[in-house]
Amino acid sequence: MSPPAIPSSAPAGPSWNTYKQSIGDRSSLFRALVESWPVTSALYLGSYLDLSPSAAIESVTYVDTDRRAARFFANRELVMSELNESTPLQASHDVAFLLEDFTAPLSAPDASFDLVIALYTGPAWDHCLRYLKPGGLFLANSSHGDASLAALDPRTSLVGAIHYRGGRYTIERDHLDGYLIPTKPKKAEAHLIRSSGRGIGYTKSAFAYLFEVSS
């Protein structure tokens, strides 16, 4: 059964603008991403109030179990107002929200997204691949083991290392061989990462990693 709808007239409460005060604005990350890859659709797992992918990607589906996020995304007027404040072009945006647990099957079609996002959430890797189009992209960091699990999967190739410097995100695409080398190789085992729910350390690290997933 689907969760009860959150009326758009509900009090606004916290929003993307207030959330950016704690995590910053990640819009430049996604603008850099779409400059190099043909991404027009994305699935953001554990998004909470982070609307930044929609500053660059045409269609984004956000997923979270937090009802504060549900109230925010249900307020279409507020969402569009905050998004247009951060978007150079006042374009139309396809923004959807699912008040669902991504560890269970989502009410989203399989193989329908160019990009799956898992930042500071998870573990999501084992639940998300079904939603990616063939040759799709997976963006994750190491906080809950998602990047570490993706790095160990033979179906993935590292295509970008994301850095955050001077208040701006950039994506390194060349000379990636030095990344994802474990500081403690014995811990680079998928079952150990799954049991701990945490990523492992690397000799050269980045804010996040972008993987291309083969079909």
N, C-alpha and C. Protein backbone atom coordinates (compact mmCIF):
# COMPACT_ATOMS: atom_id res chain seq x y z
N MET A 1 0.84 -1.18 0.00
CA MET A 1 0.00 0.00 0.00
C MET A 1 0.88 1.24 0.00
N SER A 2 0.53 2.21 -0.82
CA SER A 2 1.29 3.45 -0.89
C SER A 2 1.08 4.27 0.38
N PRO A 3 2.11 5.03 0.80
CA PRO A 3 1.96 5.88 1.99
C PRO A 3 0.94 6.97 1.72
N PRO A 4 0.31 7.49 2.77
CA PRO A 4 -0.67 8.55 2.58
C PRO A 4 -0.05 9.79 1.98
N ALA A 5 -0.80 10.47 1.13
CA ALA A 5 -0.30 11.67 0.48
C ALA A 5 -0.13 12.79 1.49
N ILE A 6 0.86 13.62 1.27
CA ILE A 6 1.10 14.79 2.09
C ILE A 6 0.52 15.99 1.36
N PRO A 7 -0.49 16.65 1.86
CA PRO A 7 -1.10 17.77 1.14
C PRO A 7 -0.12 18.91 0.93
N SER A 8 -0.19 19.53 -0.26
CA SER A 8 0.74 20.62 -0.56
C SER A 8 0.50 21.84 0.31
N SER A 9 -0.65 21.91 0.97
CA SER A 9 -0.94 23.04 1.84
C SER A 9 -0.31 22.89 3.23
N ALA A 10 0.38 21.76 3.46
CA ALA A 10 1.01 21.55 4.76
C ALA A 10 2.07 22.61 5.00
N PRO A 11 2.36 22.97 6.26
CA PRO A 11 3.38 23.98 6.54
C PRO A 11 4.71 23.62 5.89
N ALA A 12 5.40 24.64 5.40
CA ALA A 12 6.61 24.39 4.63
C ALA A 12 7.69 23.72 5.48
N GLY A 13 7.95 24.24 6.68
CA GLY A 13 8.99 23.66 7.52
C GLY A 13 10.35 23.81 6.87
N PRO A 14 11.29 22.90 7.16
CA PRO A 14 12.62 22.98 6.56
C PRO A 14 12.54 22.78 5.05
N SER A 15 13.51 23.34 4.34
CA SER A 15 13.51 23.26 2.89
C SER A 15 14.94 23.15 2.39
N TRP A 16 15.10 23.14 1.06
CA TRP A 16 16.44 23.06 0.49
C TRP A 16 17.28 24.25 0.93
N ASN A 17 16.71 25.44 0.96
CA ASN A 17 17.47 26.62 1.36
C ASN A 17 18.01 26.49 2.79
N THR A 18 17.22 25.96 3.69
CA THR A 18 17.71 25.79 5.06
C THR A 18 18.71 24.63 5.15
N TYR A 19 18.49 23.58 4.36
CA TYR A 19 19.39 22.43 4.37
C TYR A 19 20.76 22.79 3.82
N LYS A 20 20.80 23.68 2.84
CA LYS A 20 22.09 24.10 2.27
C LYS A 20 22.97 24.78 3.31
N GLN A 21 22.39 25.30 4.36
CA GLN A 21 23.19 25.94 5.40
C GLN A 21 24.08 24.94 6.13
N SER A 22 23.70 23.65 6.09
CA SER A 22 24.51 22.63 6.75
C SER A 22 25.35 21.81 5.78
N ILE A 23 24.86 21.54 4.57
CA ILE A 23 25.62 20.70 3.63
C ILE A 23 26.22 21.48 2.47
N GLY A 24 25.83 22.75 2.31
CA GLY A 24 26.28 23.50 1.16
C GLY A 24 25.43 23.22 -0.07
N ASP A 25 25.75 23.88 -1.15
CA ASP A 25 25.01 23.74 -2.40
C ASP A 25 25.80 22.84 -3.34
N ARG A 26 25.25 21.69 -3.70
CA ARG A 26 25.92 20.74 -4.58
C ARG A 26 25.55 20.92 -6.04
N SER A 27 24.91 22.03 -6.39
CA SER A 27 24.46 22.23 -7.77
C SER A 27 25.61 22.15 -8.77
N SER A 28 26.78 22.71 -8.41
CA SER A 28 27.90 22.71 -9.35
C SER A 28 28.38 21.29 -9.65
N LEU A 29 28.19 20.36 -8.72
CA LEU A 29 28.55 18.96 -8.97
C LEU A 29 27.75 18.42 -10.15
N PHE A 30 26.45 18.65 -10.12
CA PHE A 30 25.59 18.08 -11.15
C PHE A 30 25.68 18.85 -12.47
N ARG A 31 25.99 20.14 -12.40
CA ARG A 31 26.23 20.87 -13.63
C ARG A 31 27.49 20.34 -14.32
N ALA A 32 28.53 20.06 -13.54
CA ALA A 32 29.75 19.50 -14.11
C ALA A 32 29.49 18.12 -14.69
N LEU A 33 28.64 17.36 -14.04
CA LEU A 33 28.35 16.01 -14.50
C LEU A 33 27.64 16.02 -15.86
N VAL A 34 26.63 16.86 -16.01
CA VAL A 34 25.87 16.85 -17.27
C VAL A 34 26.66 17.51 -18.40
N GLU A 35 27.72 18.24 -18.09
CA GLU A 35 28.57 18.79 -19.15
C GLU A 35 29.38 17.69 -19.83
N SER A 36 29.58 16.57 -19.14
CA SER A 36 30.43 15.50 -19.67
C SER A 36 29.68 14.22 -20.01
N TRP A 37 28.50 14.03 -19.42
CA TRP A 37 27.73 12.81 -19.68
C TRP A 37 26.28 13.18 -20.03
N PRO A 38 25.66 12.43 -20.94
CA PRO A 38 24.28 12.75 -21.37
C PRO A 38 23.23 12.27 -20.37
N VAL A 39 23.21 12.90 -19.22
CA VAL A 39 22.28 12.51 -18.15
C VAL A 39 21.05 13.42 -18.19
N THR A 40 19.90 12.81 -18.39
CA THR A 40 18.65 13.58 -18.36
C THR A 40 17.69 13.09 -17.30
N SER A 41 18.00 11.95 -16.67
CA SER A 41 17.13 11.42 -15.62
C SER A 41 17.98 10.84 -14.50
N ALA A 42 17.52 11.04 -13.25
CA ALA A 42 18.29 10.56 -12.10
C ALA A 42 17.36 10.10 -10.99
N LEU A 43 17.85 9.17 -10.20
CA LEU A 43 17.17 8.66 -9.01
C LEU A 43 18.08 8.96 -7.83
N TYR A 44 17.57 9.74 -6.87
CA TYR A 44 18.38 10.18 -5.73
C TYR A 44 17.86 9.46 -4.49
N LEU A 45 18.64 8.49 -4.00
CA LEU A 45 18.26 7.69 -2.84
C LEU A 45 18.70 8.38 -1.55
N GLY A 46 17.78 8.47 -0.58
CA GLY A 46 18.10 9.13 0.68
C GLY A 46 18.40 10.60 0.50
N SER A 47 17.60 11.26 -0.31
CA SER A 47 17.87 12.64 -0.69
C SER A 47 17.66 13.65 0.43
N TYR A 48 16.72 13.35 1.34
CA TYR A 48 16.22 14.32 2.31
C TYR A 48 15.78 15.58 1.55
N LEU A 49 16.38 16.74 1.78
CA LEU A 49 15.91 17.98 1.18
C LEU A 49 16.84 18.52 0.09
N ASP A 50 17.80 17.71 -0.33
CA ASP A 50 18.82 18.17 -1.27
C ASP A 50 18.27 18.17 -2.70
N LEU A 51 17.89 19.33 -3.16
CA LEU A 51 17.28 19.51 -4.47
C LEU A 51 18.31 19.77 -5.56
N SER A 52 19.59 19.77 -5.23
CA SER A 52 20.63 20.22 -6.15
C SER A 52 20.68 19.47 -7.49
N PRO A 53 20.40 18.17 -7.57
CA PRO A 53 20.45 17.54 -8.91
C PRO A 53 19.53 18.20 -9.92
N SER A 54 18.39 18.73 -9.46
CA SER A 54 17.44 19.35 -10.38
C SER A 54 17.91 20.70 -10.90
N ALA A 55 19.00 21.22 -10.38
CA ALA A 55 19.58 22.44 -10.93
C ALA A 55 20.24 22.19 -12.28
N ALA A 56 20.44 20.90 -12.62
CA ALA A 56 21.11 20.57 -13.88
C ALA A 56 20.44 19.45 -14.66
N ILE A 57 19.73 18.55 -13.97
CA ILE A 57 19.18 17.35 -14.62
C ILE A 57 17.68 17.53 -14.84
N GLU A 58 17.22 17.22 -16.02
CA GLU A 58 15.84 17.51 -16.41
C GLU A 58 14.81 16.81 -15.53
N SER A 59 15.03 15.54 -15.24
CA SER A 59 14.03 14.75 -14.51
C SER A 59 14.71 14.02 -13.37
N VAL A 60 14.28 14.30 -12.14
CA VAL A 60 14.88 13.67 -10.97
C VAL A 60 13.78 13.15 -10.06
N THR A 61 13.94 11.90 -9.62
CA THR A 61 13.05 11.30 -8.64
C THR A 61 13.80 11.17 -7.32
N TYR A 62 13.28 11.79 -6.29
CA TYR A 62 13.90 11.79 -4.97
C TYR A 62 13.22 10.76 -4.08
N VAL A 63 14.01 10.09 -3.26
CA VAL A 63 13.49 9.01 -2.42
C VAL A 63 13.97 9.20 -0.99
N ASP A 64 13.02 9.17 -0.04
CA ASP A 64 13.40 9.26 1.37
C ASP A 64 12.21 8.80 2.22
N THR A 65 12.50 8.38 3.43
CA THR A 65 11.43 7.97 4.35
C THR A 65 11.06 9.08 5.32
N ASP A 66 11.73 10.22 5.24
CA ASP A 66 11.50 11.32 6.16
C ASP A 66 10.31 12.16 5.69
N ARG A 67 9.32 12.30 6.56
CA ARG A 67 8.11 13.01 6.16
C ARG A 67 8.33 14.52 6.02
N ARG A 68 9.40 15.04 6.62
CA ARG A 68 9.72 16.45 6.38
C ARG A 68 10.11 16.66 4.92
N ALA A 69 10.83 15.69 4.36
CA ALA A 69 11.15 15.76 2.93
C ALA A 69 9.89 15.64 2.10
N ALA A 70 8.98 14.76 2.51
CA ALA A 70 7.73 14.60 1.78
C ALA A 70 6.93 15.89 1.76
N ARG A 71 6.88 16.59 2.89
CA ARG A 71 6.15 17.85 2.94
C ARG A 71 6.79 18.91 2.05
N PHE A 72 8.12 18.94 2.04
CA PHE A 72 8.80 19.91 1.20
C PHE A 72 8.51 19.65 -0.28
N PHE A 73 8.72 18.43 -0.73
CA PHE A 73 8.53 18.13 -2.15
C PHE A 73 7.07 18.21 -2.58
N ALA A 74 6.16 18.05 -1.63
CA ALA A 74 4.74 18.19 -1.97
C ALA A 74 4.36 19.64 -2.21
N ASN A 75 5.16 20.57 -1.71
CA ASN A 75 4.89 21.99 -1.90
C ASN A 75 5.55 22.44 -3.20
N ARG A 76 4.87 22.19 -4.29
CA ARG A 76 5.43 22.43 -5.62
C ARG A 76 5.87 23.89 -5.80
N GLU A 77 5.09 24.80 -5.30
CA GLU A 77 5.42 26.21 -5.46
C GLU A 77 6.73 26.55 -4.77
N LEU A 78 6.93 26.02 -3.56
CA LEU A 78 8.17 26.28 -2.83
C LEU A 78 9.36 25.61 -3.53
N VAL A 79 9.17 24.38 -3.97
CA VAL A 79 10.25 23.66 -4.66
C VAL A 79 10.70 24.44 -5.90
N MET A 80 9.75 24.85 -6.74
CA MET A 80 10.11 25.57 -7.95
C MET A 80 10.73 26.93 -7.64
N SER A 81 10.24 27.59 -6.60
CA SER A 81 10.79 28.89 -6.23
C SER A 81 12.25 28.76 -5.81
N GLU A 82 12.56 27.80 -4.95
CA GLU A 82 13.94 27.62 -4.48
C GLU A 82 14.84 27.13 -5.60
N LEU A 83 14.30 26.28 -6.47
CA LEU A 83 15.11 25.78 -7.57
C LEU A 83 15.44 26.88 -8.56
N ASN A 84 14.48 27.71 -8.88
CA ASN A 84 14.72 28.79 -9.84
C ASN A 84 15.68 29.84 -9.30
N GLU A 85 15.77 29.96 -7.98
CA GLU A 85 16.75 30.87 -7.38
C GLU A 85 18.17 30.43 -7.68
N SER A 86 18.38 29.11 -7.83
CA SER A 86 19.73 28.57 -8.02
C SER A 86 20.01 28.13 -9.44
N THR A 87 19.05 28.29 -10.34
CA THR A 87 19.20 27.81 -11.70
C THR A 87 19.32 28.99 -12.65
N PRO A 88 20.39 29.06 -13.43
CA PRO A 88 20.57 30.20 -14.34
C PRO A 88 19.41 30.37 -15.31
N LEU A 89 18.90 29.26 -15.84
CA LEU A 89 17.81 29.31 -16.80
C LEU A 89 16.51 28.93 -16.11
N GLN A 90 15.48 29.71 -16.30
CA GLN A 90 14.19 29.42 -15.68
C GLN A 90 13.46 28.35 -16.50
N ALA A 91 14.01 27.16 -16.51
CA ALA A 91 13.45 26.08 -17.32
C ALA A 91 12.47 25.26 -16.49
N SER A 92 11.67 24.46 -17.19
CA SER A 92 10.76 23.57 -16.48
C SER A 92 11.55 22.39 -15.93
N HIS A 93 11.10 21.85 -14.83
CA HIS A 93 11.80 20.74 -14.18
C HIS A 93 10.79 19.65 -13.83
N ASP A 94 11.19 18.41 -14.06
CA ASP A 94 10.37 17.28 -13.68
C ASP A 94 10.91 16.76 -12.35
N VAL A 95 10.22 17.10 -11.28
CA VAL A 95 10.64 16.73 -9.93
C VAL A 95 9.59 15.82 -9.32
N ALA A 96 10.00 14.62 -8.91
CA ALA A 96 9.09 13.67 -8.26
C ALA A 96 9.68 13.24 -6.94
N PHE A 97 8.83 12.83 -6.03
CA PHE A 97 9.29 12.36 -4.71
C PHE A 97 8.56 11.09 -4.32
N LEU A 98 9.31 10.14 -3.80
CA LEU A 98 8.75 8.89 -3.30
C LEU A 98 9.02 8.78 -1.80
N LEU A 99 7.98 8.73 -1.01
CA LEU A 99 8.11 8.52 0.43
C LEU A 99 8.19 7.01 0.65
N GLU A 100 9.37 6.47 0.36
CA GLU A 100 9.55 5.02 0.35
C GLU A 100 10.93 4.66 0.88
N ASP A 101 11.08 3.40 1.25
CA ASP A 101 12.35 2.84 1.71
C ASP A 101 13.03 2.17 0.52
N PHE A 102 14.20 2.67 0.14
CA PHE A 102 14.84 2.14 -1.06
C PHE A 102 15.41 0.73 -0.88
N THR A 103 15.44 0.22 0.35
CA THR A 103 15.88 -1.16 0.54
C THR A 103 14.80 -2.16 0.15
N ALA A 104 13.61 -1.68 -0.11
CA ALA A 104 12.51 -2.49 -0.65
C ALA A 104 12.26 -2.01 -2.08
N PRO A 105 11.58 -2.81 -2.90
CA PRO A 105 11.31 -2.38 -4.27
C PRO A 105 10.55 -1.04 -4.30
N LEU A 106 11.01 -0.15 -5.15
CA LEU A 106 10.41 1.17 -5.27
C LEU A 106 9.30 1.17 -6.32
N SER A 107 8.43 2.13 -6.21
CA SER A 107 7.40 2.31 -7.25
C SER A 107 7.98 3.15 -8.37
N ALA A 108 9.11 2.70 -8.89
CA ALA A 108 9.79 3.32 -10.02
C ALA A 108 10.15 2.21 -10.99
N PRO A 109 10.06 2.47 -12.28
CA PRO A 109 10.33 1.40 -13.25
C PRO A 109 11.80 1.01 -13.30
N ASP A 110 12.06 -0.25 -13.54
CA ASP A 110 13.42 -0.73 -13.70
C ASP A 110 14.03 -0.14 -14.97
N ALA A 111 15.36 -0.07 -14.98
CA ALA A 111 16.12 0.34 -16.15
C ALA A 111 15.61 1.64 -16.76
N SER A 112 15.34 2.63 -15.93
CA SER A 112 14.72 3.86 -16.42
C SER A 112 15.49 5.13 -16.10
N PHE A 113 16.65 5.02 -15.43
CA PHE A 113 17.40 6.22 -15.03
C PHE A 113 18.82 6.20 -15.59
N ASP A 114 19.29 7.36 -16.01
CA ASP A 114 20.68 7.49 -16.47
C ASP A 114 21.66 7.49 -15.30
N LEU A 115 21.18 7.93 -14.14
CA LEU A 115 22.07 8.12 -12.99
C LEU A 115 21.35 7.74 -11.71
N VAL A 116 22.04 7.03 -10.83
CA VAL A 116 21.56 6.78 -9.47
C VAL A 116 22.53 7.45 -8.51
N ILE A 117 22.00 8.19 -7.55
CA ILE A 117 22.80 8.96 -6.60
C ILE A 117 22.64 8.37 -5.21
N ALA A 118 23.77 8.13 -4.54
CA ALA A 118 23.76 7.65 -3.16
C ALA A 118 24.87 8.37 -2.39
N LEU A 119 24.53 9.51 -1.81
CA LEU A 119 25.48 10.32 -1.05
C LEU A 119 25.08 10.34 0.41
N TYR A 120 25.97 9.88 1.28
CA TYR A 120 25.72 9.84 2.72
C TYR A 120 24.42 9.09 3.03
N THR A 121 24.19 8.02 2.33
CA THR A 121 23.03 7.18 2.60
C THR A 121 23.48 5.73 2.46
N GLY A 122 22.54 4.83 2.54
CA GLY A 122 22.91 3.44 2.27
C GLY A 122 22.82 2.55 3.49
N PRO A 123 23.24 1.32 3.27
CA PRO A 123 23.83 0.85 2.02
C PRO A 123 22.79 0.73 0.91
N ALA A 124 23.11 1.32 -0.24
CA ALA A 124 22.17 1.37 -1.35
C ALA A 124 22.59 0.53 -2.55
N TRP A 125 23.87 0.22 -2.66
CA TRP A 125 24.40 -0.44 -3.86
C TRP A 125 23.63 -1.71 -4.22
N ASP A 126 23.33 -2.53 -3.25
CA ASP A 126 22.68 -3.81 -3.54
C ASP A 126 21.22 -3.66 -3.94
N HIS A 127 20.65 -2.47 -3.79
CA HIS A 127 19.23 -2.28 -4.06
C HIS A 127 18.96 -1.41 -5.29
N CYS A 128 20.00 -0.80 -5.86
CA CYS A 128 19.75 0.25 -6.84
C CYS A 128 20.01 -0.12 -8.28
N LEU A 129 20.76 -1.16 -8.56
CA LEU A 129 21.19 -1.43 -9.93
C LEU A 129 20.01 -1.68 -10.87
N ARG A 130 18.95 -2.23 -10.35
CA ARG A 130 17.79 -2.56 -11.20
C ARG A 130 17.19 -1.32 -11.86
N TYR A 131 17.41 -0.15 -11.27
CA TYR A 131 16.78 1.07 -11.79
C TYR A 131 17.63 1.79 -12.83
N LEU A 132 18.88 1.37 -13.01
CA LEU A 132 19.77 2.00 -13.97
C LEU A 132 19.53 1.49 -15.39
N LYS A 133 19.60 2.40 -16.34
CA LYS A 133 19.60 1.99 -17.74
C LYS A 133 20.91 1.26 -18.04
N PRO A 134 20.96 0.44 -19.07
CA PRO A 134 22.23 -0.18 -19.46
C PRO A 134 23.31 0.87 -19.70
N GLY A 135 24.46 0.69 -19.09
CA GLY A 135 25.53 1.67 -19.22
C GLY A 135 25.33 2.92 -18.40
N GLY A 136 24.42 2.86 -17.41
CA GLY A 136 24.13 4.02 -16.57
C GLY A 136 25.24 4.33 -15.60
N LEU A 137 25.07 5.43 -14.86
CA LEU A 137 26.08 5.92 -13.94
C LEU A 137 25.61 5.82 -12.49
N PHE A 138 26.57 5.55 -11.61
CA PHE A 138 26.30 5.47 -10.17
C PHE A 138 27.23 6.44 -9.47
N LEU A 139 26.64 7.39 -8.75
CA LEU A 139 27.41 8.39 -8.00
C LEU A 139 27.28 8.11 -6.52
N ALA A 140 28.42 7.91 -5.84
CA ALA A 140 28.38 7.56 -4.42
C ALA A 140 29.66 8.00 -3.73
N ASN A 141 29.56 8.14 -2.41
CA ASN A 141 30.77 8.31 -1.61
C ASN A 141 30.93 7.08 -0.72
N SER A 142 31.92 7.16 0.15
CA SER A 142 32.28 5.97 0.92
C SER A 142 31.66 5.91 2.31
N SER A 143 30.77 6.83 2.65
CA SER A 143 30.31 6.92 4.03
C SER A 143 29.59 5.67 4.51
N HIS A 144 28.81 5.04 3.66
CA HIS A 144 28.07 3.84 4.05
C HIS A 144 28.49 2.62 3.23
N GLY A 145 29.62 2.70 2.58
CA GLY A 145 30.13 1.55 1.84
C GLY A 145 29.70 1.45 0.39
N ASP A 146 28.88 2.39 -0.09
CA ASP A 146 28.38 2.27 -1.45
C ASP A 146 29.49 2.37 -2.49
N ALA A 147 30.37 3.36 -2.36
CA ALA A 147 31.46 3.47 -3.32
C ALA A 147 32.41 2.28 -3.21
N SER A 148 32.63 1.80 -2.00
CA SER A 148 33.53 0.66 -1.80
C SER A 148 32.97 -0.59 -2.44
N LEU A 149 31.66 -0.82 -2.30
CA LEU A 149 31.04 -1.99 -2.92
C LEU A 149 31.04 -1.87 -4.43
N ALA A 150 30.76 -0.68 -4.94
CA ALA A 150 30.77 -0.49 -6.38
C ALA A 150 32.16 -0.73 -6.95
N ALA A 151 33.18 -0.27 -6.23
CA ALA A 151 34.55 -0.43 -6.71
C ALA A 151 34.95 -1.90 -6.82
N LEU A 152 34.37 -2.74 -5.98
CA LEU A 152 34.71 -4.17 -6.00
C LEU A 152 33.90 -4.96 -7.02
N ASP A 153 32.88 -4.35 -7.58
CA ASP A 153 32.00 -5.07 -8.50
C ASP A 153 32.61 -5.05 -9.91
N PRO A 154 32.78 -6.22 -10.53
CA PRO A 154 33.41 -6.26 -11.87
C PRO A 154 32.59 -5.60 -12.96
N ARG A 155 31.35 -5.27 -12.68
CA ARG A 155 30.51 -4.62 -13.69
C ARG A 155 30.74 -3.12 -13.77
N THR A 156 31.56 -2.56 -12.88
CA THR A 156 31.74 -1.11 -12.84
C THR A 156 33.10 -0.68 -13.35
N SER A 157 33.13 0.55 -13.83
CA SER A 157 34.38 1.22 -14.20
C SER A 157 34.35 2.62 -13.59
N LEU A 158 35.42 3.02 -12.94
CA LEU A 158 35.50 4.36 -12.39
C LEU A 158 35.72 5.35 -13.54
N VAL A 159 34.83 6.33 -13.67
CA VAL A 159 34.94 7.30 -14.76
C VAL A 159 35.12 8.73 -14.26
N GLY A 160 35.03 8.91 -12.93
CA GLY A 160 35.20 10.26 -12.41
C GLY A 160 35.45 10.26 -10.91
N ALA A 161 36.29 11.18 -10.47
CA ALA A 161 36.52 11.43 -9.04
C ALA A 161 36.09 12.86 -8.76
N ILE A 162 35.17 13.01 -7.81
CA ILE A 162 34.59 14.32 -7.52
C ILE A 162 35.35 14.97 -6.37
N HIS A 163 35.73 16.21 -6.58
CA HIS A 163 36.45 16.97 -5.55
C HIS A 163 35.66 18.22 -5.18
N TYR A 164 35.86 18.64 -3.95
CA TYR A 164 35.23 19.87 -3.46
C TYR A 164 36.32 20.79 -2.96
N ARG A 165 36.50 21.90 -3.67
CA ARG A 165 37.54 22.85 -3.30
C ARG A 165 37.01 24.27 -3.51
N GLY A 166 37.28 25.13 -2.56
CA GLY A 166 36.91 26.53 -2.71
C GLY A 166 35.43 26.75 -2.92
N GLY A 167 34.62 25.90 -2.31
CA GLY A 167 33.18 26.05 -2.43
C GLY A 167 32.60 25.57 -3.74
N ARG A 168 33.38 24.82 -4.53
CA ARG A 168 32.91 24.36 -5.83
C ARG A 168 33.32 22.91 -6.06
N TYR A 169 32.45 22.18 -6.74
CA TYR A 169 32.71 20.78 -7.09
C TYR A 169 33.27 20.69 -8.50
N THR A 170 34.24 19.81 -8.66
CA THR A 170 34.79 19.51 -9.99
C THR A 170 34.90 17.99 -10.13
N ILE A 171 34.96 17.53 -11.37
CA ILE A 171 35.06 16.10 -11.64
C ILE A 171 36.35 15.82 -12.40
N GLU A 172 37.23 15.03 -11.81
CA GLU A 172 38.47 14.61 -12.46
C GLU A 172 38.18 13.36 -13.29
N ARG A 173 38.51 13.41 -14.56
CA ARG A 173 38.21 12.29 -15.47
C ARG A 173 39.45 11.54 -15.92
N ASP A 174 40.62 12.12 -15.77
CA ASP A 174 41.86 11.50 -16.22
C ASP A 174 42.70 11.05 -15.03
N HIS A 175 43.61 10.14 -15.31
CA HIS A 175 44.55 9.67 -14.29
C HIS A 175 43.82 9.14 -13.06
N LEU A 176 42.87 8.27 -13.28
CA LEU A 176 42.06 7.73 -12.19
C LEU A 176 42.64 6.46 -11.57
N ASP A 177 43.73 5.96 -12.12
CA ASP A 177 44.29 4.70 -11.62
C ASP A 177 44.74 4.78 -10.17
N GLY A 178 45.04 5.97 -9.69
CA GLY A 178 45.51 6.10 -8.31
C GLY A 178 44.42 6.08 -7.27
N TYR A 179 43.16 6.09 -7.70
CA TYR A 179 42.03 6.08 -6.77
C TYR A 179 41.59 4.65 -6.45
N LEU A 180 40.87 4.55 -5.33
CA LEU A 180 40.24 3.29 -4.89
C LEU A 180 41.26 2.19 -4.61
N ILE A 181 42.45 2.60 -4.17
CA ILE A 181 43.46 1.65 -3.71
C ILE A 181 43.35 1.59 -2.19
N PRO A 182 42.93 0.46 -1.61
CA PRO A 182 42.68 0.38 -0.16
C PRO A 182 43.95 0.60 0.66
N THR A 183 43.82 1.34 1.76
CA THR A 183 44.94 1.47 2.69
C THR A 183 45.16 0.17 3.46
N LYS A 184 44.08 -0.58 3.66
CA LYS A 184 44.16 -1.88 4.31
C LYS A 184 43.46 -2.91 3.42
N PRO A 185 44.21 -3.52 2.49
CA PRO A 185 43.61 -4.43 1.50
C PRO A 185 42.79 -5.56 2.10
N LYS A 186 43.12 -6.01 3.30
CA LYS A 186 42.37 -7.11 3.89
C LYS A 186 40.92 -6.72 4.21
N LYS A 187 40.65 -5.42 4.32
CA LYS A 187 39.29 -4.98 4.59
C LYS A 187 38.48 -4.75 3.32
N ALA A 188 39.15 -4.90 2.18
CA ALA A 188 38.46 -4.68 0.91
C ALA A 188 37.74 -5.94 0.47
N GLU A 189 36.82 -6.37 1.29
CA GLU A 189 36.00 -7.54 1.01
C GLU A 189 34.53 -7.13 1.11
N ALA A 190 33.75 -7.51 0.11
CA ALA A 190 32.35 -7.06 0.06
C ALA A 190 31.57 -7.47 1.30
N HIS A 191 31.79 -8.69 1.78
CA HIS A 191 31.01 -9.14 2.94
C HIS A 191 31.36 -8.37 4.20
N LEU A 192 32.63 -7.93 4.33
CA LEU A 192 33.02 -7.14 5.49
C LEU A 192 32.41 -5.73 5.41
N ILE A 193 32.38 -5.18 4.22
CA ILE A 193 31.80 -3.84 4.04
C ILE A 193 30.31 -3.88 4.30
N ARG A 194 29.63 -4.91 3.81
CA ARG A 194 28.18 -5.03 4.03
C ARG A 194 27.87 -5.21 5.52
N SER A 195 28.67 -5.99 6.21
CA SER A 195 28.38 -6.25 7.62
C SER A 195 28.63 -5.02 8.49
N SER A 196 29.60 -4.20 8.12
CA SER A 196 29.90 -3.00 8.90
C SER A 196 29.05 -1.81 8.49
N GLY A 197 28.59 -1.79 7.23
CA GLY A 197 27.82 -0.66 6.73
C GLY A 197 28.66 0.60 6.55
N ARG A 198 29.97 0.43 6.45
CA ARG A 198 30.87 1.57 6.31
C ARG A 198 31.86 1.32 5.17
N GLY A 199 32.30 2.41 4.57
CA GLY A 199 33.29 2.31 3.53
C GLY A 199 34.68 2.09 4.09
N ILE A 200 35.62 1.79 3.22
CA ILE A 200 37.00 1.57 3.62
C ILE A 200 37.85 2.77 3.22
N GLY A 201 39.06 2.85 3.80
CA GLY A 201 39.96 3.95 3.49
C GLY A 201 40.75 3.69 2.22
N TYR A 202 41.10 4.77 1.52
CA TYR A 202 41.88 4.66 0.31
C TYR A 202 43.13 5.54 0.40
N THR A 203 44.16 5.15 -0.33
CA THR A 203 45.41 5.90 -0.31
C THR A 203 45.25 7.28 -0.93
N LYS A 204 44.30 7.42 -1.83
CA LYS A 204 43.98 8.70 -2.46
C LYS A 204 42.46 8.81 -2.50
N SER A 205 41.94 9.81 -1.85
CA SER A 205 40.49 9.87 -1.69
C SER A 205 39.89 11.05 -2.44
N ALA A 206 38.58 11.01 -2.57
CA ALA A 206 37.81 12.08 -3.21
C ALA A 206 36.52 12.24 -2.43
N PHE A 207 35.82 13.34 -2.69
CA PHE A 207 34.52 13.54 -2.04
C PHE A 207 33.55 12.43 -2.43
N ALA A 208 33.55 12.07 -3.70
CA ALA A 208 32.67 11.01 -4.19
C ALA A 208 33.26 10.44 -5.47
N TYR A 209 32.65 9.36 -5.95
CA TYR A 209 33.16 8.66 -7.12
C TYR A 209 32.01 8.40 -8.08
N LEU A 210 32.31 8.46 -9.37
CA LEU A 210 31.32 8.21 -10.40
C LEU A 210 31.71 6.95 -11.16
N PHE A 211 30.80 5.99 -11.18
CA PHE A 211 31.05 4.71 -11.83
C PHE A 211 30.11 4.54 -13.02
N GLU A 212 30.61 3.96 -14.09
CA GLU A 212 29.77 3.51 -15.19
C GLU A 212 29.51 2.03 -14.98
N VAL A 213 28.26 1.63 -15.05
CA VAL A 213 27.87 0.25 -14.76
C VAL A 213 27.50 -0.43 -16.07
N SER A 214 28.22 -1.50 -16.39
CA SER A 214 27.94 -2.22 -17.63
C SER A 214 26.62 -2.96 -17.54
N SER A 215 26.03 -3.21 -18.69
CA SER A 215 24.74 -3.90 -18.73
C SER A 215 24.90 -5.39 -18.47
